[in-house]
Protein backbone atom coordinates (compact mmCIF):
# COMPACT_ATOMS: atom_id res chain seq x y z
CA MET A 1 -11.44 -6.76 7.55
CA HIS A 2 -11.73 -10.45 6.51
CA PRO A 3 -10.61 -11.10 2.43
CA SER A 4 -13.88 -12.12 1.32
CA THR A 5 -16.10 -9.18 2.44
CA TRP A 6 -12.85 -6.51 2.71
CA SER A 7 -13.15 -3.45 0.47
CA VAL A 8 -11.43 -0.30 -0.51
CA ARG A 9 -11.05 2.58 -2.55
CA GLY A 10 -8.27 5.50 -2.83
CA LEU A 11 -4.79 6.68 -2.41
CA TYR A 12 -2.14 4.51 -0.59
CA LEU A 13 0.42 5.93 0.63
CA ILE A 14 3.20 4.71 1.65
CA THR A 15 6.44 6.45 3.38
CA PRO A 16 9.40 7.21 2.12
CA GLU A 17 12.77 5.65 2.84
CA GLN A 18 13.56 8.51 6.15
CA THR A 19 15.81 7.40 9.17
CA ASP A 20 14.97 10.74 10.54
CA THR A 21 11.50 10.16 12.50
CA ALA A 22 10.24 13.33 13.49
CA ARG A 23 11.38 14.65 9.93
CA LEU A 24 9.41 11.00 8.88
CA LEU A 25 6.86 11.99 11.03
CA ARG A 26 6.19 15.11 10.33
CA GLN A 27 6.11 14.91 5.84
CA VAL A 28 3.01 11.81 7.47
CA ALA A 29 1.09 14.46 9.61
CA GLN A 30 1.16 16.62 6.67
CA VAL A 31 -0.76 14.17 4.17
CA LEU A 32 -2.90 12.85 6.55
CA PRO A 33 -5.65 15.26 5.55
CA CYS A 34 -6.57 13.95 2.75
CA ALA A 35 -7.71 10.89 4.35
CA PRO A 36 -5.96 8.32 3.05
CA ALA A 37 -7.42 4.37 2.49
CA LEU A 38 -4.03 3.41 4.11
CA LEU A 39 -0.53 4.64 4.68
CA GLN A 40 1.77 1.50 5.05
CA TYR A 41 5.11 2.28 6.64
CA ARG A 42 8.49 1.40 4.39
CA SER A 43 12.38 1.28 5.74
CA LYS A 44 15.00 -0.49 4.43
CA LEU A 45 17.80 1.16 5.69
CA ALA A 46 17.08 2.17 9.38
CA ASP A 47 17.84 0.09 12.39
CA PRO A 48 15.67 -2.06 14.13
CA ASP A 49 14.99 0.12 17.29
CA THR A 50 14.17 2.59 15.19
CA ARG A 51 11.88 1.17 12.23
CA ARG A 52 10.23 -0.42 15.56
CA GLU A 53 10.18 3.99 17.47
CA GLN A 54 8.95 5.38 13.67
CA ALA A 55 5.85 2.51 13.27
CA ASN A 56 4.80 3.04 16.53
CA ALA A 57 5.25 6.44 16.32
CA LEU A 58 3.03 6.57 12.84
CA LEU A 59 0.32 4.20 13.83
CA SER A 60 -0.35 6.85 16.94
CA LEU A 61 -0.92 9.50 14.08
CA CYS A 62 -2.39 7.26 11.68
CA ARG A 63 -5.58 5.95 14.87
CA ALA A 64 -5.79 9.58 15.00
CA ALA A 65 -6.50 10.12 11.93
CA GLY A 66 -8.65 7.31 10.95
CA VAL A 67 -6.39 5.54 8.75
CA ALA A 68 -5.13 1.81 8.80
CA LEU A 69 -1.23 1.04 8.42
CA VAL A 70 0.07 -1.16 7.16
CA ILE A 71 3.87 -2.64 8.10
CA ASN A 72 5.33 -3.54 5.14
CA ASP A 73 7.45 -7.05 5.38
CA ASP A 74 7.10 -7.31 9.10
CA VAL A 75 5.02 -9.71 10.54
CA GLU A 76 6.10 -9.93 13.77
CA LEU A 77 6.23 -5.83 14.38
CA ALA A 78 2.31 -5.80 13.08
CA ALA A 79 1.71 -7.54 15.26
CA ALA A 80 3.56 -6.53 18.63
CA LEU A 81 2.78 -3.51 17.61
CA GLY A 82 -1.18 -4.04 17.18
CA ALA A 83 -0.59 -2.86 13.41
CA ASP A 84 -4.20 -3.09 10.88
CA GLY A 85 -2.07 -5.03 8.67
CA VAL A 86 1.09 -5.94 6.79
CA HIS A 87 2.04 -6.10 3.61
CA LEU A 88 4.91 -9.42 1.81
CA GLY A 89 6.39 -9.09 -1.31
CA ARG A 90 7.50 -12.95 -2.60
CA GLU A 91 10.85 -12.89 0.03
CA ASP A 92 8.96 -11.85 2.66
CA GLY A 93 7.61 -14.94 4.53
CA GLY A 94 4.36 -16.40 4.05
CA ILE A 95 0.45 -15.27 3.55
CA ARG A 96 -0.68 -17.62 5.51
CA HIS A 97 1.49 -17.49 8.26
CA ALA A 98 1.03 -13.73 8.64
CA ARG A 99 -2.81 -14.82 8.80
CA GLU A 100 -1.94 -17.02 11.30
CA ARG A 101 0.15 -15.00 13.43
CA LEU A 102 -2.09 -10.93 13.14
CA PRO A 103 -5.70 -10.88 14.52
CA ALA A 104 -8.84 -11.71 12.75
CA GLY A 105 -9.42 -9.13 11.09
CA ALA A 106 -5.49 -7.82 9.87
CA ILE A 107 -5.02 -7.13 6.69
CA ILE A 108 -2.30 -8.36 4.76
CA GLY A 109 -1.36 -7.01 1.45
CA ALA A 110 0.30 -8.63 -1.62
CA SER A 111 2.78 -8.08 -3.84
CA CYS A 112 2.12 -9.94 -7.93
CA TYR A 113 4.82 -8.15 -10.03
CA ASP A 114 3.32 -9.23 -13.81
CA ARG A 115 1.76 -11.85 -12.88
CA ILE A 116 -0.99 -13.14 -12.30
CA ASP A 117 -1.09 -16.51 -11.06
CA LEU A 118 1.36 -14.76 -8.08
CA ALA A 119 -2.76 -13.18 -7.08
CA ARG A 120 -4.03 -16.13 -7.93
CA GLU A 121 -1.94 -17.90 -5.08
CA ALA A 122 -2.61 -15.18 -2.76
CA ALA A 123 -5.71 -14.46 -3.36
CA THR A 124 -6.19 -18.75 -2.16
CA ALA A 125 -3.98 -18.05 1.16
CA GLY A 126 -5.94 -15.31 2.65
CA ALA A 127 -4.72 -12.19 0.90
CA SER A 128 -6.97 -9.13 1.76
CA TYR A 129 -5.29 -7.77 -1.54
CA VAL A 130 -3.35 -7.52 -4.18
CA ALA A 131 -0.94 -4.74 -6.30
CA PHE A 132 0.63 -5.34 -9.34
CA GLY A 133 3.43 -3.10 -10.20
CA ALA A 134 5.33 -1.33 -11.61
CA PHE A 135 2.97 0.25 -14.16
CA GLU A 136 5.02 3.02 -15.09
CA ALA A 137 9.05 3.64 -13.95
CA SER A 138 9.87 3.97 -10.57
CA PRO A 139 11.89 5.95 -8.54
CA THR A 140 11.93 3.34 -5.55
CA LYS A 141 12.46 -0.10 -7.98
CA PRO A 142 14.00 1.27 -11.47
CA HIS A 143 14.68 -2.40 -11.71
CA ALA A 144 10.71 -3.96 -11.15
CA PRO A 145 9.04 -5.54 -13.79
CA ARG A 146 6.65 -3.72 -15.47
CA ALA A 147 2.62 -4.32 -15.25
CA SER A 148 0.39 -4.90 -18.16
CA PRO A 149 -3.04 -2.71 -17.21
CA SER A 150 -4.71 -5.85 -18.34
CA LEU A 151 -3.36 -7.08 -14.67
CA LEU A 152 -6.14 -5.21 -13.58
CA ALA A 153 -9.09 -6.79 -15.19
CA GLN A 154 -7.66 -10.60 -15.46
CA SER A 155 -7.59 -10.36 -11.53
CA ALA A 156 -10.94 -9.62 -10.55
CA PRO A 157 -12.75 -11.97 -10.08
CA LEU A 158 -10.64 -12.49 -7.34
CA GLY A 159 -12.85 -10.89 -5.56
CA LEU A 160 -9.91 -9.05 -4.05
CA PRO A 161 -9.78 -5.04 -4.01
CA ARG A 162 -6.59 -4.29 -6.35
CA VAL A 163 -3.65 -2.33 -6.06
CA ALA A 164 -1.21 -0.10 -8.48
CA ILE A 165 1.82 1.21 -7.72
CA GLY A 166 4.78 1.65 -8.94
CA GLY A 167 5.60 5.17 -11.28
CA ILE A 168 2.06 6.50 -11.24
CA ARG A 169 1.34 9.85 -11.51
CA PRO A 170 -1.45 11.53 -11.41
CA GLU A 171 -2.50 12.21 -15.35
CA ASN A 172 -2.29 8.55 -15.93
CA ALA A 173 -3.88 6.82 -12.56
CA PRO A 174 -7.14 8.07 -13.71
CA ALA A 175 -6.78 5.20 -17.11
CA LEU A 176 -5.74 2.75 -14.03
CA VAL A 177 -8.91 3.23 -12.33
CA ALA A 178 -10.62 2.81 -14.91
CA ALA A 179 -9.05 -0.49 -16.49
CA GLY A 180 -10.12 -1.17 -12.62
CA ALA A 181 -7.50 -0.75 -9.40
CA ASP A 182 -9.19 0.85 -6.20
CA LEU A 183 -5.58 1.74 -4.87
CA ILE A 184 -3.47 3.69 -5.86
CA ALA A 185 -0.63 3.48 -4.36
CA VAL A 186 2.14 6.08 -4.00
CA ILE A 187 5.32 7.18 -2.65
CA SER A 188 7.66 8.90 -4.76
CA GLY A 189 4.28 11.24 -5.89
CA VAL A 190 3.84 12.73 -3.15
CA PHE A 191 6.33 12.25 -1.18
CA ASP A 192 8.98 14.91 -3.00
CA SER A 193 6.15 17.44 -4.52
CA ALA A 194 6.89 20.56 -3.27
CA ASP A 195 3.10 20.37 -2.56
CA PRO A 196 2.70 16.94 -0.93
CA LEU A 197 -1.21 17.72 0.06
CA GLN A 198 -1.48 19.31 -3.06
CA ALA A 199 -0.09 16.45 -4.74
CA ALA A 200 -2.11 14.05 -3.02
CA ARG A 201 -5.50 15.35 -3.61
CA ALA A 202 -4.64 14.81 -7.58
CA TYR A 203 -4.46 11.02 -7.38
CA GLN A 204 -7.70 11.15 -5.44
CA SER A 205 -8.76 12.76 -8.22
CA ALA A 206 -8.94 9.34 -9.77
CA PHE A 207 -11.15 7.58 -7.78
CA GLN A 208 -14.19 10.84 -8.44
CA GLU A 209 -15.66 9.34 -11.13
CA PRO A 210 -17.66 5.58 -10.30
CA PRO A 211 -15.82 2.91 -12.25
CA ALA A 212 -16.57 1.76 -15.24
């Protein structure tokens, strides 16, 4: 999955904050039948042992489902478990370091918030994809900077998959896909839904039409 050749399109699921490992696994297992393009394990509250336990268990689920697992923020955990890659924010360490630490085919994503310059830097450093957002008010990150859909078009020349994240609902996902999003990243829109699998499929329907 060298960044110059890797392409991906569809729903990018991010795990909810959940310190109960058994419940987290049930939550994820019920949506994997929708075959998301990627699953990211994200936990800000669990202790290191719990994070390792959860990530390892999720990796088994993802392997069985044929879904790539990316670890949020933690290059060392991704390396130790043999996960498919890592997602890094601005404060989570360098992309070049991650590229050196992880296998050649690793997926390395970069949060670029509302800034095209960060996307260009990430591409130069060897990122596999760039993520922009929040596009709408996000319950996960209520104070996140608001990104413009125009960033998706501006970043097209980078030649990397572009992720849209933050407050995205099934109703506004098609407009972001039309604007250039290759992946729609969702946490609460799926996992807080009364029917998470149905919600996941609703997001995926945004990708049924060919890109504009």
